[in-house]
């Protein structure tokens, strides 16, 4: 069973629909016991970092997520779900993230001729072809709706990166925790393959 954490953020139904198309049993919930007894957990979301953290803390889901990570339950953060896993974000200065992943989320720097937020397709280029990217070809395209990206550029900190301009990370994998800034549920066959890989962990 795959649990999608419901904390009032957008895009939850799109993730559910993608998983159902893969034949997965899916539960959308904010119940702590259900989350902690799941085979795997997804934290999706579209929204604001500060508001989302406030909601997680209000409901106690922040500690549920940290406990799930401690229990080594496979965990996937998507878009805002990725950002919340880090220690802090440029979007909400002074607000602490979950701190599951080290580092911070930074605004994509402005550059002439490029629109921010970055909305559309971009290609994946792998530093390490990890568990979620088995069967995914170098240069495969995925869909983004991003104003921020993980700030670290250290090769050891990521399994893949995307080229928006220069090289900017868009994925982080650490033990049982995986997080992508792009939307696999909106990325066609490539995205479904990534989600399928996650469900097989």
Protein backbone atom coordinates (compact mmCIF):
# COMPACT_ATOMS: atom_id res chain seq x y z
CA UNK A 1 0.00 0.00 0.00
CA UNK A 2 1.22 3.47 -0.92
CA UNK A 3 0.12 6.33 1.32
CA UNK A 4 -0.15 9.89 0.03
CA UNK A 5 0.06 12.36 2.91
CA UNK A 6 -2.87 14.78 2.91
CA UNK A 7 -1.88 18.12 4.41
CA UNK A 8 -4.08 20.39 2.33
CA UNK A 9 -1.62 20.99 -0.51
CA UNK A 10 -2.49 20.86 -4.20
CA UNK A 11 -1.77 18.14 -6.76
CA UNK A 12 -2.57 15.15 -4.54
CA UNK A 13 -5.21 13.75 -6.88
CA UNK A 14 -2.83 13.81 -9.87
CA UNK A 15 -0.37 11.65 -7.95
CA UNK A 16 -3.15 9.28 -6.89
CA UNK A 17 -4.35 8.92 -10.50
CA UNK A 18 -0.83 8.10 -11.72
CA UNK A 19 -0.37 5.43 -9.04
CA UNK A 20 -3.77 3.89 -9.74
CA UNK A 21 -2.82 3.64 -13.42
CA UNK A 22 0.12 1.49 -12.27
CA UNK A 23 -2.25 -0.84 -10.42
CA UNK A 24 -1.22 0.39 -6.97
CA UNK A 25 -3.35 0.36 -3.84
CA UNK A 26 -3.41 4.01 -2.74
CA UNK A 27 -4.64 5.71 0.43
CA UNK A 28 -4.79 9.49 0.89
CA UNK A 29 -4.69 10.28 4.59
CA UNK A 30 -3.42 12.43 7.43
CA UNK A 31 -3.79 9.59 9.97
CA UNK A 32 -0.50 8.93 11.75
CA UNK A 33 -1.00 5.18 12.27
CA UNK A 34 -1.94 4.62 8.62
CA UNK A 35 1.09 6.58 7.45
CA UNK A 36 3.50 4.74 9.74
CA UNK A 37 2.16 1.34 8.67
CA UNK A 38 2.44 2.05 4.94
CA UNK A 39 4.76 0.14 2.62
CA UNK A 40 5.81 3.45 1.09
CA UNK A 41 4.91 7.12 1.50
CA UNK A 42 4.59 10.08 -0.88
CA UNK A 43 4.57 13.74 0.14
CA UNK A 44 3.38 15.67 -2.94
CA UNK A 45 2.31 19.27 -3.09
CA UNK A 46 1.98 22.55 -4.85
CA UNK A 47 1.87 25.60 -2.62
CA UNK A 48 3.86 27.85 -0.29
CA UNK A 49 6.67 26.57 1.94
CA UNK A 50 5.71 28.62 5.02
CA UNK A 51 2.02 27.75 4.92
CA UNK A 52 2.77 24.08 4.31
CA UNK A 53 5.17 23.84 7.25
CA UNK A 54 2.64 25.58 9.48
CA UNK A 55 0.02 23.00 8.50
CA UNK A 56 2.36 20.05 9.06
CA UNK A 57 3.29 21.36 12.50
CA UNK A 58 -0.31 22.14 13.43
CA UNK A 59 -1.41 18.58 12.67
CA UNK A 60 1.69 16.87 14.03
CA UNK A 61 2.50 15.45 10.61
CA UNK A 62 6.00 16.94 10.79
CA UNK A 63 6.92 14.45 13.53
CA UNK A 64 5.07 11.63 11.76
CA UNK A 65 7.22 12.23 8.67
CA UNK A 66 10.44 12.27 10.70
CA UNK A 67 9.40 9.02 12.40
CA UNK A 68 8.60 7.40 9.04
CA UNK A 69 12.09 8.32 7.83
CA UNK A 70 13.63 6.88 11.01
CA UNK A 71 11.73 3.65 10.39
CA UNK A 72 13.27 3.46 6.90
CA UNK A 73 9.92 3.43 5.10
CA UNK A 74 10.55 4.34 1.43
CA UNK A 75 9.63 8.02 1.15
CA UNK A 76 9.21 10.24 -1.92
CA UNK A 77 8.80 14.03 -1.86
CA UNK A 78 7.49 15.72 -5.01
CA UNK A 79 7.83 19.46 -5.81
CA UNK A 80 6.81 21.25 -2.59
CA UNK A 81 7.23 17.85 -0.93
CA UNK A 82 10.92 17.96 -1.89
CA UNK A 83 11.33 21.49 -0.58
CA UNK A 84 9.78 20.71 2.80
CA UNK A 85 12.29 17.92 3.41
CA UNK A 86 15.17 20.42 3.48
CA UNK A 87 16.26 22.63 6.37
CA UNK A 88 15.00 25.94 4.99
CA UNK A 89 13.83 27.78 1.88
CA UNK A 90 14.35 31.19 0.31
CA UNK A 91 10.57 31.33 -0.09
CA UNK A 92 9.95 31.63 3.68
CA UNK A 93 12.94 33.12 5.46
CA UNK A 94 13.08 32.16 9.11
CA UNK A 95 10.82 29.12 8.71
CA UNK A 96 12.46 25.78 9.47
CA UNK A 97 11.82 22.86 7.16
CA UNK A 98 11.63 19.23 8.19
CA UNK A 99 15.42 18.88 8.13
CA UNK A 100 15.29 15.34 6.77
CA UNK A 101 17.71 16.38 4.02
CA UNK A 102 20.62 18.71 4.66
CA UNK A 103 20.82 22.00 2.80
CA UNK A 104 18.39 24.62 1.65
CA UNK A 105 16.12 25.41 -1.26
CA UNK A 106 17.22 28.45 -3.27
CA UNK A 107 15.42 30.65 -5.75
CA UNK A 108 16.48 30.05 -9.32
CA UNK A 109 18.64 33.06 -10.19
CA UNK A 110 17.32 35.39 -12.87
CA UNK A 111 18.94 35.27 -16.27
CA UNK A 112 18.08 37.22 -19.38
CA UNK A 113 15.80 35.38 -21.76
CA UNK A 114 14.67 32.78 -19.23
CA UNK A 115 11.29 32.81 -17.53
CA UNK A 116 10.95 32.18 -13.81
CA UNK A 117 9.16 30.21 -12.54
CA UNK A 118 10.39 27.52 -14.86
CA UNK A 119 7.29 25.82 -16.23
CA UNK A 120 7.67 23.12 -18.83
CA UNK A 121 9.81 20.19 -19.89
CA UNK A 122 13.49 19.74 -19.15
CA UNK A 123 15.94 16.89 -19.55
CA UNK A 124 17.50 14.73 -16.85
CA UNK A 125 21.25 14.24 -16.76
CA UNK A 126 22.53 11.73 -14.26
CA UNK A 127 25.38 12.07 -11.81
CA UNK A 128 24.51 8.62 -10.46
CA UNK A 129 21.80 6.52 -12.04
CA UNK A 130 20.12 5.53 -8.75
CA UNK A 131 17.22 3.29 -7.81
CA UNK A 132 14.44 5.54 -9.06
CA UNK A 133 16.05 6.00 -12.47
CA UNK A 134 16.57 2.39 -13.48
CA UNK A 135 15.45 2.05 -17.08
CA UNK A 136 15.41 5.84 -17.64
CA UNK A 137 17.61 7.05 -20.47
CA UNK A 138 20.06 9.94 -20.16
CA UNK A 139 18.35 13.08 -21.41
CA UNK A 140 14.80 11.87 -20.74
CA UNK A 141 12.35 14.74 -20.31
CA UNK A 142 10.27 15.46 -17.22
CA UNK A 143 7.85 18.26 -16.36
CA UNK A 144 8.70 21.17 -14.05
CA UNK A 145 6.78 23.92 -12.31
CA UNK A 146 9.60 25.43 -10.29
CA UNK A 147 10.62 28.72 -8.75
CA UNK A 148 13.17 27.09 -6.43
CA UNK A 149 15.63 24.21 -6.56
CA UNK A 150 17.89 22.50 -4.01
CA UNK A 151 20.89 24.74 -3.47
CA UNK A 152 23.69 22.18 -3.22
CA UNK A 153 25.69 21.45 -6.35
CA UNK A 154 27.94 18.81 -4.80
CA UNK A 155 27.93 15.69 -6.94
CA UNK A 156 27.76 13.41 -3.90
CA UNK A 157 24.48 15.01 -2.84
CA UNK A 158 22.38 14.03 -5.80
CA UNK A 159 21.59 11.20 -8.15
CA UNK A 160 20.58 13.40 -11.03
CA UNK A 161 20.39 16.99 -12.11
CA UNK A 162 18.59 18.96 -14.77
CA UNK A 163 19.96 21.63 -17.05
CA UNK A 164 17.88 24.78 -16.87
CA UNK A 165 20.93 26.90 -17.53
CA UNK A 166 24.23 25.70 -16.22
CA UNK A 167 23.71 22.75 -13.90
CA UNK A 168 21.08 22.79 -11.13
CA UNK A 169 20.05 19.82 -8.97
CA UNK A 170 16.47 18.61 -9.26
CA UNK A 171 16.65 15.36 -7.30
CA UNK A 172 18.08 14.12 -4.02
CA UNK A 173 18.31 10.53 -2.86
CA UNK A 174 19.51 9.43 0.58
CA UNK A 175 18.97 5.92 1.94
CA UNK A 176 15.16 5.44 1.99
CA UNK A 177 14.36 9.09 1.14
CA UNK A 178 13.93 10.35 -2.41
CA UNK A 179 12.86 13.82 -3.52
CA UNK A 180 12.29 15.34 -6.94
CA UNK A 181 11.48 18.92 -7.88
CA UNK A 182 9.92 17.81 -11.16
CA UNK A 183 6.47 16.18 -11.35
CA UNK A 184 6.71 12.47 -12.28
CA UNK A 185 2.91 12.24 -12.24
CA UNK A 186 2.82 14.78 -15.11
CA UNK A 187 5.85 13.46 -17.01
CA UNK A 188 4.31 10.83 -19.27
CA UNK A 189 5.87 7.39 -19.58
CA UNK A 190 9.16 8.56 -18.06
CA UNK A 191 7.39 9.81 -14.94
CA UNK A 192 5.31 6.65 -14.63
CA UNK A 193 8.48 4.56 -14.85
CA UNK A 194 10.03 6.61 -12.02
CA UNK A 195 6.92 6.09 -9.89
CA UNK A 196 6.88 2.38 -10.74
CA UNK A 197 10.51 2.09 -9.64
CA UNK A 198 9.54 3.72 -6.35
CA UNK A 199 6.65 1.32 -5.78
CA UNK A 200 9.02 -1.61 -6.27
CA UNK A 201 11.47 -0.56 -3.56
